[in-house]
Protein backbone atom coordinates (compact mmCIF):
# COMPACT_ATOMS: atom_id res chain seq x y z
CA MET A 1 8.80 8.38 -36.86
CA ASP A 2 7.45 11.24 -34.74
CA ARG A 3 5.65 10.80 -31.43
CA HIS A 4 2.14 11.27 -32.88
CA THR A 5 2.78 8.68 -35.60
CA LYS A 6 4.10 6.20 -33.02
CA MET A 7 0.95 6.65 -30.92
CA LYS A 8 -1.28 6.01 -33.94
CA THR A 9 0.79 2.95 -34.80
CA ARG A 10 0.33 1.63 -31.26
CA GLU A 11 -3.42 2.18 -31.48
CA ASP A 12 -3.94 0.69 -34.92
CA SER A 13 -1.46 -2.20 -35.22
CA SER A 14 -0.41 -5.31 -33.38
CA CYS A 15 1.76 -3.37 -30.96
CA ASN A 16 2.44 -5.35 -27.77
CA VAL A 17 2.66 -4.09 -24.22
CA TYR A 18 4.77 -6.04 -21.72
CA LEU A 19 4.40 -5.63 -17.94
CA ASN A 20 5.97 -7.37 -14.93
CA GLY A 21 3.92 -8.63 -12.02
CA LEU A 22 0.23 -8.66 -11.15
CA GLY A 23 0.58 -5.75 -8.76
CA LEU A 24 -1.67 -2.70 -8.87
CA GLY A 25 0.61 -0.76 -11.25
CA SER A 26 0.38 -3.41 -13.96
CA ILE A 27 -3.33 -4.00 -13.39
CA ALA A 28 -4.10 -0.27 -13.57
CA ALA A 29 -2.04 0.14 -16.75
CA ALA A 30 -3.86 -2.78 -18.40
CA MET A 31 -7.28 -1.46 -17.38
CA TYR A 32 -6.54 2.03 -18.72
CA LEU A 33 -5.15 0.62 -21.95
CA ILE A 34 -8.31 -1.41 -22.53
CA GLN A 35 -10.98 0.92 -21.17
CA LYS A 36 -9.57 4.37 -21.89
CA ALA A 37 -7.30 3.81 -24.90
CA ASP A 38 -9.33 1.08 -26.67
CA PHE A 39 -6.20 -1.06 -26.80
CA ASP A 40 -6.37 -4.66 -28.00
CA ALA A 41 -6.28 -6.70 -24.78
CA SER A 42 -4.81 -9.71 -26.55
CA ASN A 43 -1.64 -7.68 -27.13
CA ILE A 44 -1.10 -7.08 -23.40
CA HIS A 45 1.33 -9.48 -21.73
CA ILE A 46 1.84 -9.61 -17.95
CA PHE A 47 4.59 -11.81 -16.52
CA GLU A 48 3.81 -12.98 -12.98
CA GLN A 49 6.43 -14.93 -11.05
CA MET A 50 3.87 -16.68 -8.86
CA GLY A 51 1.84 -19.66 -10.00
CA ALA A 52 -1.73 -19.36 -11.29
CA THR A 53 -3.17 -20.53 -7.95
CA GLU A 54 -0.86 -18.48 -5.71
CA LEU A 55 -1.17 -15.08 -4.07
CA VAL A 56 -1.26 -12.09 -6.44
CA GLY A 57 -2.24 -8.43 -6.13
CA GLY A 58 0.88 -7.16 -4.39
CA SER A 59 -0.01 -5.48 -1.10
CA CYS A 60 -3.74 -5.71 -1.98
CA ASP A 61 -3.77 -9.46 -1.42
CA ALA A 62 -6.08 -11.79 0.49
CA SER A 63 -5.98 -15.52 1.10
CA GLU A 64 -8.09 -18.19 2.75
CA LEU A 65 -6.62 -21.28 4.37
CA THR A 66 -7.89 -24.19 6.41
CA VAL A 67 -6.71 -24.58 10.01
CA ASP A 68 -8.02 -27.52 12.04
CA GLU A 69 -10.73 -28.04 9.40
CA GLN A 70 -11.97 -24.47 9.79
CA PRO A 71 -11.51 -21.47 7.48
CA ALA A 72 -8.95 -18.84 8.48
CA TYR A 73 -7.89 -15.72 6.64
CA SER A 74 -4.75 -13.72 5.96
CA MET A 75 -3.72 -10.42 4.35
CA GLN A 76 -0.31 -8.83 3.90
CA GLY A 77 -1.86 -5.40 3.44
CA SER A 78 -5.09 -3.46 3.62
CA ARG A 79 -5.68 0.01 2.22
CA MET A 80 -7.97 2.81 3.37
CA PHE A 81 -9.33 5.57 1.15
CA GLU A 82 -10.63 9.14 1.14
CA ASP A 83 -12.60 10.88 -1.57
CA ARG A 84 -10.41 13.90 -2.38
CA VAL A 85 -7.00 12.28 -2.02
CA TYR A 86 -7.80 9.23 -4.16
CA PRO A 87 -9.32 10.52 -7.45
CA CYS A 88 -7.20 8.22 -9.64
CA THR A 89 -8.10 5.16 -7.58
CA LYS A 90 -11.79 6.07 -7.77
CA GLU A 91 -11.53 6.56 -11.54
CA LEU A 92 -9.87 3.14 -11.87
CA TRP A 93 -12.73 1.58 -9.90
CA SER A 94 -15.20 3.26 -12.25
CA ILE A 95 -13.79 1.33 -15.24
CA ILE A 96 -13.67 -2.08 -13.50
CA PRO A 97 -16.96 -4.01 -13.72
CA TYR A 98 -17.88 -5.36 -10.28
CA ASN A 99 -20.75 -7.45 -11.61
CA ASP A 100 -23.09 -7.36 -14.60
CA ASP A 101 -24.81 -4.19 -13.39
CA GLU A 102 -22.28 -2.14 -11.40
CA SER A 103 -18.72 -0.90 -11.45
CA CYS A 104 -16.43 -1.33 -8.47
CA LEU A 105 -16.90 2.37 -7.75
CA GLN A 106 -20.69 2.05 -7.65
CA ASP A 107 -20.47 -0.86 -5.23
CA HIS A 108 -17.97 1.07 -3.10
CA GLN A 109 -20.28 4.07 -2.94
CA LYS A 110 -23.19 1.87 -1.84
CA ASN A 111 -21.04 0.29 0.83
CA ARG A 112 -19.90 3.68 2.08
CA GLU A 113 -23.49 4.82 2.54
CA GLU A 114 -24.37 1.60 4.31
CA CYS A 115 -21.41 1.69 6.71
CA ARG A 116 -19.96 5.14 7.39
CA VAL A 117 -17.05 5.61 9.79
CA HIS A 118 -17.60 7.86 12.80
CA THR A 119 -15.10 7.11 15.54
CA VAL A 120 -15.78 7.68 19.24
CA VAL A 121 -12.72 5.99 20.79
CA ARG A 122 -9.77 7.16 18.70
CA LEU A 123 -6.86 6.00 20.88
CA LEU A 124 -6.25 3.41 23.57
CA HIS A 125 -3.64 4.40 26.16
CA GLU A 126 -2.00 2.52 29.01
CA HIS A 127 -4.25 0.42 31.28
CA GLY A 128 -7.06 0.60 28.73
CA GLU A 129 -7.67 4.35 29.03
CA THR A 130 -9.76 5.45 26.06
CA ASP A 131 -9.31 8.80 24.33
CA THR A 132 -11.51 10.51 21.73
CA GLY A 133 -8.47 12.17 20.12
CA TYR A 134 -10.25 15.51 20.10
CA ARG A 135 -7.22 17.17 21.68
CA LEU A 136 -4.28 16.80 19.31
CA GLY A 137 -1.76 17.52 22.05
CA LEU A 138 0.58 19.75 20.04
CA ASN A 139 2.37 22.57 21.82
CA THR A 140 2.91 25.95 20.17
CA ALA A 141 6.45 25.15 19.08
CA GLU A 142 5.41 21.97 17.26
CA LYS A 143 2.48 23.75 15.59
CA LEU A 144 4.87 26.38 14.25
CA LYS A 145 7.22 23.66 12.98
CA MET A 146 4.30 22.03 11.18
CA ALA A 147 3.38 25.34 9.55
CA ARG A 148 7.01 25.90 8.59
CA LEU A 149 7.24 22.44 6.98
CA LEU A 150 4.08 23.05 4.98
CA ALA A 151 5.43 26.39 3.76
CA THR A 152 8.90 25.12 2.86
CA PRO A 153 9.36 24.17 -0.82
CA GLU A 154 10.66 20.66 -1.35
CA PHE A 155 13.84 21.90 -2.98
CA ALA A 156 14.68 23.75 0.24
CA ILE A 157 14.49 20.59 2.35
CA PRO A 158 17.96 19.01 2.59
CA ASP A 159 18.54 15.65 0.92
CA GLY A 160 17.93 12.80 3.32
CA ALA A 161 16.12 15.00 5.87
CA LYS A 162 14.16 13.00 8.46
CA ILE A 163 11.00 13.87 10.35
CA THR A 164 13.15 14.13 13.49
CA ASP A 165 15.07 16.94 11.75
CA ILE A 166 11.85 18.95 11.66
CA PHE A 167 10.03 18.19 14.91
CA GLY A 168 11.07 17.94 18.54
CA GLU A 169 10.54 15.15 21.08
CA ALA A 170 7.17 16.52 22.23
CA PHE A 171 5.72 15.99 18.74
CA PHE A 172 6.31 12.23 18.93
CA THR A 173 4.32 11.82 22.16
CA SER A 174 1.32 13.83 20.99
CA ASN A 175 -2.10 12.43 20.13
CA PHE A 176 -1.63 13.89 16.66
CA TRP A 177 1.47 11.75 16.03
CA TYR A 178 -0.14 8.60 17.44
CA MET A 179 -3.15 9.02 15.15
CA TRP A 180 -1.07 10.08 12.15
CA ARG A 181 1.26 7.12 12.56
CA ALA A 182 -1.68 4.70 12.81
CA LEU A 183 -3.11 5.99 9.53
CA PHE A 184 0.06 6.16 7.44
CA ALA A 185 2.79 4.04 9.16
CA PHE A 186 5.34 6.85 9.50
CA GLN A 187 8.34 6.40 11.78
CA PRO A 188 10.38 9.31 13.25
CA TRP A 189 13.36 8.50 10.99
CA HIS A 190 11.30 8.56 7.80
CA SER A 191 11.54 11.19 5.07
CA ALA A 192 10.62 14.77 5.93
CA VAL A 193 9.65 15.31 2.28
CA GLU A 194 7.15 12.45 2.42
CA MET A 195 5.76 13.87 5.68
CA LYS A 196 5.30 17.23 4.00
CA ARG A 197 3.56 15.68 0.99
CA TYR A 198 1.13 13.80 3.23
CA MET A 199 0.41 16.91 5.28
CA ARG A 200 -0.35 18.89 2.12
CA LEU A 201 -2.69 16.30 0.61
CA PHE A 202 -4.47 15.44 3.87
CA PHE A 203 -4.51 19.03 5.14
CA HIS A 204 -8.29 19.28 4.78
CA GLU A 205 -8.78 16.21 7.01
CA MET A 206 -6.92 17.53 10.04
CA PRO A 207 -10.14 18.86 11.66
CA ASN A 208 -11.52 15.32 11.44
CA MET A 209 -8.53 13.51 12.93
CA ASP A 210 -10.69 12.41 15.87
CA THR A 211 -13.85 11.15 14.16
CA MET A 212 -12.29 10.16 10.81
CA VAL A 213 -15.67 10.61 9.14
CA ALA A 214 -14.11 10.77 5.66
CA LEU A 215 -12.29 7.43 5.97
CA GLU A 216 -13.51 4.83 3.48
CA ARG A 217 -13.00 1.09 3.20
CA THR A 218 -13.99 -1.34 0.50
CA ARG A 219 -16.92 -3.71 1.02
CA PHE A 220 -14.69 -6.75 1.25
CA THR A 221 -10.90 -7.00 1.21
CA ASN A 222 -9.14 -4.81 -1.35
CA PHE A 223 -8.40 -7.97 -3.32
CA HIS A 224 -12.03 -9.07 -3.56
CA SER A 225 -13.37 -5.54 -4.05
CA PHE A 226 -11.28 -4.41 -7.04
CA ILE A 227 -8.23 -6.61 -7.75
CA LEU A 228 -10.18 -9.81 -8.43
CA PRO A 229 -12.87 -8.05 -10.52
CA ALA A 230 -10.08 -6.46 -12.60
CA LEU A 231 -8.38 -9.83 -13.09
CA ARG A 232 -11.66 -11.41 -14.22
CA PHE A 233 -12.30 -8.57 -16.65
CA MET A 234 -8.79 -8.77 -18.06
CA GLN A 235 -9.07 -12.53 -18.48
CA ASN A 236 -12.41 -12.21 -20.27
CA LYS A 237 -10.95 -9.57 -22.59
CA GLY A 238 -8.00 -11.77 -23.48
CA VAL A 239 -5.08 -10.25 -21.58
CA ASN A 240 -2.18 -12.71 -21.56
CA VAL A 241 -1.00 -13.47 -18.02
CA HIS A 242 2.12 -15.61 -18.06
CA TYR A 243 2.36 -17.27 -14.64
CA ASN A 244 5.59 -18.70 -13.24
CA SER A 245 7.44 -16.17 -15.40
CA ARG A 246 9.19 -12.92 -14.61
CA ILE A 247 11.16 -10.26 -16.42
CA SER A 248 14.69 -10.69 -15.10
CA ASP A 249 16.44 -8.02 -17.19
CA VAL A 250 16.09 -5.88 -20.31
CA ASP A 251 18.53 -4.63 -22.93
CA PHE A 252 18.52 -1.05 -24.16
CA LYS A 253 19.54 0.64 -27.37
CA ALA A 254 19.96 4.34 -28.20
CA ASP A 255 20.03 6.46 -31.34
CA SER A 256 23.25 7.93 -32.69
CA THR A 257 22.92 11.02 -30.50
CA GLY A 258 22.23 9.04 -27.34
CA GLN A 259 19.18 11.22 -26.68
CA GLU A 260 16.51 8.64 -27.47
CA ARG A 261 16.34 5.20 -25.84
CA TRP A 262 14.38 2.01 -26.40
CA ILE A 263 14.12 -1.36 -24.74
CA GLU A 264 14.98 -3.90 -27.44
CA LEU A 265 15.09 -7.23 -25.59
CA ILE A 266 13.31 -8.70 -22.57
CA HIS A 267 15.02 -11.49 -20.63
CA LEU A 268 12.69 -13.94 -18.92
CA GLU A 269 13.05 -16.59 -16.27
CA THR A 270 10.78 -18.86 -14.27
CA GLY A 271 9.67 -17.98 -10.78
CA SER A 272 12.49 -20.17 -9.48
CA GLY A 273 15.10 -18.43 -11.65
CA LYS A 274 15.54 -20.79 -14.58
CA PRO A 275 16.13 -19.01 -17.93
CA LYS A 276 13.31 -18.82 -20.48
CA PRO A 277 13.42 -17.65 -24.11
CA SER A 278 13.90 -13.88 -24.50
CA ILE A 279 11.46 -11.58 -26.30
CA GLN A 280 12.50 -9.22 -29.08
CA VAL A 281 10.86 -5.83 -28.50
CA HIS A 282 9.98 -3.73 -31.55
CA ASP A 283 10.30 0.05 -31.47
CA THR A 284 6.51 0.44 -31.41
CA ASP A 285 6.06 -2.08 -28.58
CA LEU A 286 5.87 -0.83 -25.01
CA VAL A 287 7.43 -2.10 -21.79
CA PHE A 288 6.07 -0.94 -18.42
CA LEU A 289 8.27 -2.15 -15.56
CA THR A 290 7.28 -2.10 -11.89
CA ILE A 291 10.43 -1.47 -9.85
CA GLY A 292 10.84 -2.40 -6.18
CA SER A 293 8.22 -4.02 -3.97
CA ILE A 294 7.01 -3.33 -0.44
CA VAL A 295 5.88 -6.95 0.04
CA SER A 296 9.05 -8.54 -1.32
CA ASN A 297 10.61 -11.31 0.81
CA ALA A 298 7.55 -11.54 3.04
CA SER A 299 7.54 -14.41 5.52
CA PHE A 300 4.59 -15.95 7.34
CA GLY A 301 3.95 -17.78 10.55
CA ALA A 302 0.95 -19.60 11.99
CA HIS A 303 -1.14 -19.69 15.16
CA ASP A 304 1.32 -22.21 16.61
CA ARG A 305 4.49 -21.06 14.85
CA PRO A 306 6.54 -17.81 14.59
CA VAL A 307 7.21 -16.23 11.21
CA ASP A 308 9.93 -17.84 9.14
CA LYS A 309 13.18 -15.95 9.03
CA PRO A 310 13.16 -14.09 5.69
CA ALA A 311 15.97 -14.78 3.23
CA LEU A 312 17.45 -11.36 2.47
CA ASP A 313 20.69 -12.11 0.66
CA ALA A 314 21.27 -10.94 -2.92
CA GLN A 315 20.31 -14.35 -4.34
CA ASN A 316 16.89 -14.26 -2.67
CA LEU A 317 15.96 -10.61 -3.20
CA GLY A 318 12.54 -10.23 -4.80
CA GLY A 319 12.24 -10.05 -8.58
CA ALA A 320 11.13 -6.40 -8.78
CA TRP A 321 14.13 -5.32 -6.69
CA THR A 322 16.59 -7.46 -8.67
CA LEU A 323 15.26 -6.09 -11.94
CA TRP A 324 15.57 -2.51 -10.70
CA LYS A 325 19.16 -3.08 -9.58
CA LYS A 326 20.08 -4.51 -12.98
CA ILE A 327 18.55 -1.75 -15.09
CA ALA A 328 19.80 1.01 -12.76
CA ALA A 329 23.32 -0.31 -13.34
CA LYS A 330 22.79 0.23 -17.08
CA GLN A 331 20.98 3.58 -16.98
CA SER A 332 22.31 6.28 -14.65
CA ASP A 333 18.97 8.07 -14.28
CA PHE A 334 17.02 4.99 -13.14
CA GLY A 335 17.41 5.73 -9.45
CA ARG A 336 19.34 4.12 -6.61
CA PRO A 337 17.55 1.00 -5.32
CA GLU A 338 20.19 0.41 -2.66
CA GLN A 339 18.95 3.54 -0.86
CA PHE A 340 15.70 1.72 -0.08
CA LEU A 341 17.33 -1.60 0.78
CA ARG A 342 19.96 -0.21 3.09
CA ASP A 343 18.50 -0.94 6.53
CA ILE A 344 15.60 -3.32 7.12
CA SER A 345 15.51 -2.32 10.79
CA GLN A 346 14.09 0.99 9.56
CA SER A 347 11.69 -0.44 6.98
CA THR A 348 10.28 -3.60 8.58
CA MET A 349 6.63 -3.83 9.50
CA MET A 350 4.82 -6.87 10.82
CA THR A 351 1.13 -7.50 10.35
CA PHE A 352 -1.20 -10.18 11.58
CA THR A 353 -4.67 -11.26 10.58
CA VAL A 354 -6.95 -12.78 13.21
CA THR A 355 -9.99 -14.93 12.53
CA PHE A 356 -12.25 -14.92 15.61
CA ARG A 357 -15.04 -17.48 15.99
CA GLY A 358 -18.07 -17.40 18.23
CA GLY A 359 -18.66 -13.66 18.56
CA LEU A 360 -17.03 -13.00 21.94
CA PHE A 361 -14.20 -10.79 20.68
CA GLN A 362 -16.51 -8.78 18.44
CA ARG A 363 -18.96 -8.10 21.29
CA LYS A 364 -16.19 -7.02 23.67
CA PHE A 365 -14.47 -4.81 21.08
CA GLU A 366 -17.67 -3.07 20.00
CA TRP A 367 -18.44 -2.35 23.65
CA LEU A 368 -14.91 -0.93 24.12
CA VAL A 369 -14.99 1.46 21.15
CA GLU A 370 -18.76 2.14 21.23
CA ARG A 371 -19.04 1.40 17.55
CA GLN A 372 -20.00 -1.49 15.30
CA MET A 373 -17.32 -3.22 13.27
CA GLY A 374 -16.65 -1.16 10.15
CA ARG A 375 -17.53 2.19 11.74
CA GLN A 376 -14.25 2.49 13.65
CA SER A 377 -11.00 4.03 12.37
CA PRO A 378 -7.63 2.34 13.05
CA LEU A 379 -7.06 2.17 16.79
CA PRO A 380 -3.53 3.09 17.98
CA ILE A 381 -2.53 1.20 21.12
CA THR A 382 -0.15 3.86 22.36
CA ALA A 383 1.41 1.88 25.24
CA SER A 384 2.33 -1.06 23.05
CA PRO A 385 6.10 -1.56 22.62
CA TRP A 386 5.24 -3.26 19.31
CA ILE A 387 3.35 -0.09 18.23
CA LEU A 388 0.15 -1.97 17.42
CA HIS A 389 -2.56 -0.41 15.26
CA LEU A 390 -5.83 -2.33 15.16
CA HIS A 391 -7.91 -2.28 11.95
CA THR A 392 -11.50 -3.53 12.10
CA TYR A 393 -13.94 -3.95 9.24
CA ARG A 394 -17.52 -4.42 8.32
CA GLN A 395 -18.17 -8.14 8.49
CA PRO A 396 -17.92 -10.31 6.52
CA LEU A 397 -14.52 -9.09 5.30
CA PHE A 398 -14.17 -12.12 3.00
CA PRO A 399 -17.12 -12.95 0.72
CA ASP A 400 -17.54 -16.57 1.89
CA GLN A 401 -16.71 -15.92 5.54
CA PRO A 402 -18.98 -17.85 7.95
CA ARG A 403 -21.53 -15.77 9.85
CA ASP A 404 -20.07 -16.57 13.27
CA THR A 405 -16.56 -15.30 12.41
CA CYS A 406 -14.94 -11.88 12.63
CA VAL A 407 -11.69 -10.98 10.85
CA ILE A 408 -9.38 -8.12 11.87
CA TRP A 409 -5.96 -6.99 10.70
CA VAL A 410 -3.25 -5.42 12.88
CA THR A 411 0.01 -3.65 12.01
CA ALA A 412 3.10 -3.44 14.18
CA LEU A 413 5.88 -0.88 13.67
CA GLY A 414 7.99 -1.87 16.69
CA SER A 415 8.14 -5.64 16.28
CA ASN A 416 11.81 -5.87 17.33
CA ARG A 417 10.97 -4.88 20.92
CA ILE A 418 9.98 -7.08 23.87
CA GLY A 419 6.22 -7.27 24.42
CA THR A 420 4.39 -6.15 27.55
CA PHE A 421 2.46 -9.36 28.25
CA VAL A 422 4.68 -11.77 26.29
CA ASN A 423 8.37 -11.55 27.09
CA LYS A 424 9.56 -11.91 23.49
CA THR A 425 10.04 -9.85 20.36
CA MET A 426 7.23 -10.20 17.88
CA PRO A 427 9.13 -12.33 15.30
CA GLU A 428 9.86 -14.81 18.11
CA CYS A 429 6.17 -15.21 18.94
CA THR A 430 3.63 -17.68 17.64
CA GLY A 431 0.35 -16.30 16.38
CA ARG A 432 -1.31 -17.29 19.64
CA GLU A 433 1.29 -15.38 21.67
CA ILE A 434 0.86 -12.30 19.46
CA LEU A 435 -2.90 -12.47 20.02
CA GLU A 436 -2.32 -12.82 23.77
CA GLU A 437 -0.30 -9.58 23.69
CA LEU A 438 -3.09 -7.80 21.84
CA LEU A 439 -5.75 -9.04 24.27
CA GLY A 440 -3.66 -7.77 27.18
CA HIS A 441 -3.51 -4.23 25.78
CA LEU A 442 -7.25 -4.29 25.10
CA GLN A 443 -7.80 -5.34 28.75
CA PHE A 444 -9.51 -8.50 27.52
CA ASN A 445 -7.27 -10.64 29.74
CA HIS A 446 -8.90 -9.85 33.09
CA ASP A 447 -11.35 -12.72 32.83
CA GLU A 448 -9.13 -15.78 32.38
CA GLY A 449 -11.99 -17.88 31.05
CA GLU A 450 -12.94 -15.35 28.37
CA LYS A 451 -9.31 -14.82 27.41
CA ASN A 452 -8.73 -18.53 26.94
CA GLU A 453 -11.98 -18.88 25.01
CA ILE A 454 -10.83 -16.23 22.53
CA LEU A 455 -7.35 -17.74 22.25
CA ASP A 456 -8.69 -21.27 21.78
CA THR A 457 -11.30 -20.35 19.16
CA SER A 458 -9.18 -17.97 17.04
CA THR A 459 -6.49 -18.24 14.40
CA CYS A 460 -3.77 -15.59 14.19
CA ILE A 461 -1.55 -15.55 11.08
CA PRO A 462 1.53 -13.27 11.45
CA CYS A 463 3.45 -11.82 8.52
CA LEU A 464 6.84 -10.09 8.45
CA LEU A 465 7.49 -7.52 5.68
CA PRO A 466 11.15 -6.38 5.70
CA TYR A 467 10.69 -3.64 3.05
CA CYS A 468 7.15 -2.53 3.86
CA THR A 469 8.00 1.10 4.68
CA SER A 470 11.21 1.34 2.64
CA GLN A 471 9.61 3.89 0.32
CA PHE A 472 9.42 6.26 3.32
CA LEU A 473 13.16 6.18 4.03
CA GLY A 474 15.08 9.44 3.72
CA ARG A 475 16.19 10.03 0.17
CA ALA A 476 18.02 12.43 -2.09
CA ARG A 477 17.12 13.82 -5.49
CA GLY A 478 17.73 11.16 -8.10
CA ASP A 479 17.11 8.21 -5.78
CA ARG A 480 13.80 7.62 -7.57
CA PRO A 481 13.49 7.65 -11.38
CA ALA A 482 10.79 9.38 -13.38
CA VAL A 483 7.81 7.36 -14.62
CA VAL A 484 8.96 8.12 -18.15
CA PRO A 485 12.73 8.70 -18.07
CA GLU A 486 14.05 11.39 -20.38
CA GLY A 487 14.50 10.14 -23.92
CA SER A 488 12.39 7.02 -23.44
CA GLN A 489 10.63 5.99 -26.63
CA ASN A 490 8.95 2.78 -25.50
CA PHE A 491 9.30 2.18 -21.76
CA ALA A 492 7.98 3.49 -18.46
CA LEU A 493 8.59 2.66 -14.79
CA LEU A 494 5.75 1.98 -12.36
CA GLY A 495 5.18 1.33 -8.66
CA GLN A 496 5.97 2.93 -5.32
CA PHE A 497 9.59 3.83 -6.07
CA VAL A 498 9.22 6.21 -9.01
CA GLU A 499 9.14 9.99 -8.64
CA ILE A 500 5.76 11.65 -9.18
CA PRO A 501 5.78 15.32 -8.09
CA ASP A 502 3.55 15.96 -5.05
CA GLY A 503 2.31 12.35 -4.98
CA ILE A 504 2.26 10.25 -1.81
CA VAL A 505 3.69 6.73 -1.70
CA PHE A 506 2.29 3.79 0.26
CA THR A 507 -1.07 4.40 -1.42
CA THR A 508 -3.02 2.82 -4.26
CA GLU A 509 -3.20 6.34 -5.67
CA TYR A 510 0.53 6.43 -6.39
CA SER A 511 0.50 3.16 -8.32
CA VAL A 512 -2.54 4.13 -10.36
CA LEU A 513 -1.26 7.65 -11.06
CA GLY A 514 2.01 6.29 -12.43
CA ALA A 515 0.10 3.92 -14.73
CA ILE A 516 -2.07 6.78 -16.01
CA HIS A 517 1.00 8.87 -16.81
CA ALA A 518 2.56 5.97 -18.74
CA VAL A 519 -0.58 5.30 -20.82
CA LYS A 520 -1.07 9.01 -21.48
CA ARG A 521 2.52 9.48 -22.62
CA PHE A 522 2.70 6.55 -25.02
CA VAL A 523 -0.82 5.60 -26.09
CA GLU A 524 -3.60 8.08 -25.31
CA PRO A 525 -2.38 11.70 -25.11
CA SER A 526 -5.92 12.99 -24.59
CA LEU A 527 -6.22 11.05 -21.34
CA GLU A 528 -6.95 13.46 -18.50
CA VAL A 529 -5.07 12.94 -15.25
CA PRO A 530 -7.35 13.56 -12.24
CA PRO A 531 -5.93 16.58 -10.38
CA MET A 532 -4.64 16.52 -6.83
CA TYR A 533 -6.56 18.45 -4.19
CA PHE A 534 -4.74 20.88 -1.92
CA GLY A 535 -7.10 22.10 0.78
CA GLN A 536 -4.71 24.68 2.21
CA HIS A 537 -5.63 26.93 -0.71
CA GLN A 538 -9.26 27.04 0.50
CA PRO A 539 -9.70 29.83 3.09
CA LEU A 540 -12.47 28.09 5.05
CA THR A 541 -10.45 24.88 5.22
CA ALA A 542 -7.40 26.77 6.45
CA VAL A 543 -9.50 28.34 9.21
CA ALA A 544 -10.93 24.95 10.23
CA VAL A 545 -7.44 23.45 10.43
CA ALA A 546 -6.19 26.37 12.52
CA ARG A 547 -9.06 25.84 14.95
CA ALA A 548 -8.35 22.11 15.14
CA LEU A 549 -4.70 22.74 15.98
CA MET A 550 -5.80 24.93 18.88
CA ARG A 551 -7.58 22.03 20.55
């Protein structure tokens, strides 16, 4: 059966598609199958290891809890967007109904017009010194190194090269680095190739590094703005979501030449690891597997309790990692998951979500940054040993959030260090102590009464993510598999740990792009993949960037 015949068979028959996890890769694949390939939704099966009432959505999650009879909120992750770098994400939003009258994209566009970002205070230095970020602080040598990195083909960058192999010490104390790190969560030891890819795709935004006028956020949390609407649509269409179930392994078969490969059997287990009946996979069925996870083995704390110590032994490794390790042991071209699990000290990020009540914090913060909530880009607190980056949003961030509350989200890339105002590492701190450290850096601790009022009327929920930036770790060719491995006849790999030329990980765009490639390859060959934008090829953009670097 040739490829065209197989595609027609998948369109016209009871072909099934099997996916693991309700992360963005699986959701995007299901949406494209239904909306772009006219695929029968009742033949789509997604196996989700969590229960039906538990947290889903991967790093685009959101949850509400009750603390002392009051609502409090928590997120593991929160994504920002930009029009030219996120065409696949925007296209996905266009095919997700937000309500009876609008798509998620239409609602997002309305929200963007109602609440545009235009930053005045771009950085906060020691002792509360504010900085517009207009001066990038790069010396001539570092500018030349940046130009050299942009001009160097990927194949000429040595395997495993780090950002520190490219730039000198002065680069990592520049305003440019502080702002870049706050936006994308890079660390000096991360991959030079990933740094290059980001610089290429965000090249056109370098003149706006201070104001961040092109930065976009969703109306509510990412979960409420496009994950939940997609889940509702999928449910209404008849997609089968099997909760408390996960794909634990798959069996392969090959033709007599060994050139063509199929998945022939899916092994299932419950979320707690108990075996479930296997599924026989026909040659015309499809299996899309998300490999690896940046939120795997997450642990949470509370306002009065530090984060739990995450269980990181082989028996407790997250399902998407365990699956990848198993199939990579069977297929030599499926990448090397151990490369991204090798050192959690280089991939850990902590986050915390704070629910403020009463309005005091919001008034003080808006006075500090001279902007309303939602019109401010991420604020790097450059003197923080924990490397804190403060993200604020248009309120309410959660749809049912009370009017007198304000919710923010903060990332920390240096959580293993001792704090400035709290003499502990971040994982040792309760949520209240973490908030006290933040208030100290914001200079909101000078008035003891106001500080205590904020601490006593707020709820801070910390979260530790041991693999959050693992996709940025230095890598070699072959560490990440292709979306559609060579010879595959019925399977594709999705997520943040596949190889997509020129694409940038740690973005919704990467997950959606992989899903589009999979659907195009196996179901809808006429599907057009939105092209990437490279501003360095535009003369006027190149001139504007050159001028910005002179500042």
